[in-house]
C-alpha atoms as a PDB file:
ATOM      1  CA  UNK A   1     -17.016  -5.251  -0.312  1.00  0.00           C
ATOM      2  CA  UNK A   2     -13.491  -4.283  -1.167  1.00  0.00           C
ATOM      3  CA  UNK A   3     -11.606  -4.607  -3.912  1.00  0.00           C
ATOM      4  CA  UNK A   4      -7.575  -4.189  -4.568  1.00  0.00           C
ATOM      5  CA  UNK A   5      -5.447  -3.831  -7.722  1.00  0.00           C
ATOM      6  CA  UNK A   6      -2.527  -3.891  -8.425  1.00  0.00           C
ATOM      7  CA  UNK A   7      -0.303  -1.897 -10.942  1.00  0.00           C
ATOM      8  CA  UNK A   8       1.832  -4.093 -13.465  1.00  0.00           C
ATOM      9  CA  UNK A   9       5.481  -2.548 -11.727  1.00  0.00           C
ATOM     10  CA  UNK A  10       2.876  -2.768  -7.585  1.00  0.00           C
ATOM     11  CA  UNK A  11       2.834  -6.589  -9.015  1.00  0.00           C
ATOM     12  CA  UNK A  12       7.186  -7.477  -9.292  1.00  0.00           C
ATOM     13  CA  UNK A  13       8.237  -5.445  -6.538  1.00  0.00           C
ATOM     14  CA  UNK A  14       5.843  -7.356  -4.211  1.00  0.00           C
ATOM     15  CA  UNK A  15       6.689 -10.410  -5.821  1.00  0.00           C
ATOM     16  CA  UNK A  16      10.193  -9.683  -4.924  1.00  0.00           C
ATOM     17  CA  UNK A  17       9.512  -8.468  -1.534  1.00  0.00           C
ATOM     18  CA  UNK A  18      11.882 -10.851   0.651  1.00  0.00           C
ATOM     19  CA  UNK A  19       9.730 -13.482   2.569  1.00  0.00           C
ATOM     20  CA  UNK A  20       9.429 -11.302   6.219  1.00  0.00           C
ATOM     21  CA  UNK A  21       8.524  -8.020   4.093  1.00  0.00           C
ATOM     22  CA  UNK A  22       6.257 -10.035   1.875  1.00  0.00           C
ATOM     23  CA  UNK A  23       4.271 -11.007   4.860  1.00  0.00           C
ATOM     24  CA  UNK A  24       4.207  -7.222   6.085  1.00  0.00           C
ATOM     25  CA  UNK A  25       3.613  -5.512   3.279  1.00  0.00           C
ATOM     26  CA  UNK A  26       0.831  -8.381   2.838  1.00  0.00           C
ATOM     27  CA  UNK A  27      -0.925  -8.360   6.139  1.00  0.00           C
ATOM     28  CA  UNK A  28      -0.340  -4.290   5.694  1.00  0.00           C
ATOM     29  CA  UNK A  29      -2.906  -4.273   2.071  1.00  0.00           C
ATOM     30  CA  UNK A  30      -4.963  -6.384   4.841  1.00  0.00           C
ATOM     31  CA  UNK A  31      -5.858  -4.140   7.379  1.00  0.00           C
ATOM     32  CA  UNK A  32      -6.617  -0.905   4.461  1.00  0.00           C
ATOM     33  CA  UNK A  33      -9.342  -4.110   3.184  1.00  0.00           C
ATOM     34  CA  UNK A  34     -10.982  -3.864   7.192  1.00  0.00           C
ATOM     35  CA  UNK A  35     -13.958  -1.953   7.737  1.00  0.00           C
ATOM     36  CA  UNK A  36     -12.607  -0.623  11.493  1.00  0.00           C
ATOM     37  CA  UNK A  37     -10.455   2.177  11.608  1.00  0.00           C
ATOM     38  CA  UNK A  38      -6.782   1.139  11.572  1.00  0.00           C
ATOM     39  CA  UNK A  39      -4.818   3.582  14.394  1.00  0.00           C
ATOM     40  CA  UNK A  40      -1.973   1.685  14.476  1.00  0.00           C
ATOM     41  CA  UNK A  41      -1.102   2.217  10.146  1.00  0.00           C
ATOM     42  CA  UNK A  42       1.419   5.355   9.250  1.00  0.00           C
ATOM     43  CA  UNK A  43      -0.639   6.836   6.013  1.00  0.00           C
ATOM     44  CA  UNK A  44       0.583   9.989   4.613  1.00  0.00           C
ATOM     45  CA  UNK A  45      -2.013  11.624   2.131  1.00  0.00           C
ATOM     46  CA  UNK A  46       0.466  12.386  -0.167  1.00  0.00           C
ATOM     47  CA  UNK A  47       0.273  15.996  -1.710  1.00  0.00           C
ATOM     48  CA  UNK A  48       2.298  15.960  -4.917  1.00  0.00           C
ATOM     49  CA  UNK A  49       1.801  12.787  -6.250  1.00  0.00           C
ATOM     50  CA  UNK A  50      -2.242  12.717  -5.501  1.00  0.00           C
ATOM     51  CA  UNK A  51      -3.347   9.141  -3.336  1.00  0.00           C
ATOM     52  CA  UNK A  52      -1.888   8.173  -0.770  1.00  0.00           C
ATOM     53  CA  UNK A  53       1.281   6.604   1.425  1.00  0.00           C
ATOM     54  CA  UNK A  54       2.061   4.034   4.029  1.00  0.00           C
ATOM     55  CA  UNK A  55       4.593   2.556   5.928  1.00  0.00           C
ATOM     56  CA  UNK A  56       5.696  -1.189   6.706  1.00  0.00           C
ATOM     57  CA  UNK A  57       8.986  -1.020   7.908  1.00  0.00           C
ATOM     58  CA  UNK A  58      11.545   0.718   5.803  1.00  0.00           C
ATOM     59  CA  UNK A  59       9.287  -0.413   2.419  1.00  0.00           C
ATOM     60  CA  UNK A  60       6.603   2.442   1.340  1.00  0.00           C
ATOM     61  CA  UNK A  61       2.837   1.640  -0.592  1.00  0.00           C
ATOM     62  CA  UNK A  62       1.383   3.809  -2.528  1.00  0.00           C
ATOM     63  CA  UNK A  63      -2.245   3.958  -3.632  1.00  0.00           C
ATOM     64  CA  UNK A  64      -4.825   5.569  -3.934  1.00  0.00           C
ATOM     65  CA  UNK A  65      -8.189   4.926  -3.248  1.00  0.00           C
ATOM     66  CA  UNK A  66     -12.029   5.336  -5.715  1.00  0.00           C
ATOM     67  CA  UNK A  67     -15.320   4.504  -4.721  1.00  0.00           C
ATOM     68  CA  UNK A  68     -14.964   5.968  -1.263  1.00  0.00           C
ATOM     69  CA  UNK A  69     -12.516   4.227  -0.071  1.00  0.00           C
ATOM     70  CA  UNK A  70     -14.110   0.235  -1.657  1.00  0.00           C
ATOM     71  CA  UNK A  71     -11.385   0.026  -4.258  1.00  0.00           C
ATOM     72  CA  UNK A  72      -7.991   0.432  -3.832  1.00  0.00           C
ATOM     73  CA  UNK A  73      -5.217   1.023  -6.501  1.00  0.00           C
ATOM     74  CA  UNK A  74      -1.428   0.172  -5.658  1.00  0.00           C
ATOM     75  CA  UNK A  75       0.250   1.439  -7.441  1.00  0.00           C
ATOM     76  CA  UNK A  76       4.251   1.405  -6.263  1.00  0.00           C
ATOM     77  CA  UNK A  77       5.671  -0.853  -3.339  1.00  0.00           C
ATOM     78  CA  UNK A  78       9.455   0.135  -2.975  1.00  0.00           C
ATOM     79  CA  UNK A  79      12.144   0.930  -0.084  1.00  0.00           C
ATOM     80  CA  UNK A  80      11.724   4.483   1.570  1.00  0.00           C
ATOM     81  CA  UNK A  81      15.089   5.421  -0.777  1.00  0.00           C
ATOM     82  CA  UNK A  82      13.347   4.195  -4.515  1.00  0.00           C
ATOM     83  CA  UNK A  83      10.088   4.832  -2.628  1.00  0.00           C
ATOM     84  CA  UNK A  84       9.383   8.187  -4.548  1.00  0.00           C
END
């Protein structure tokens, strides 16, 4: 079983997304929770901040994994110009 938690900031950012981007980000988060490998997702491990980055169009989802990938803490969902 997977557990996803949003920080207060990421939850606000998620709610403010345009509807088409909201759906894309929601689906990408759902794919993060799948047990099968996800080769079609653009995920990079961040070196200076720790955690991972998932690219969804022009938006970036910054998150960390815990408990062998069973817990995902989403820290930020932002446009690429504001993400880092």
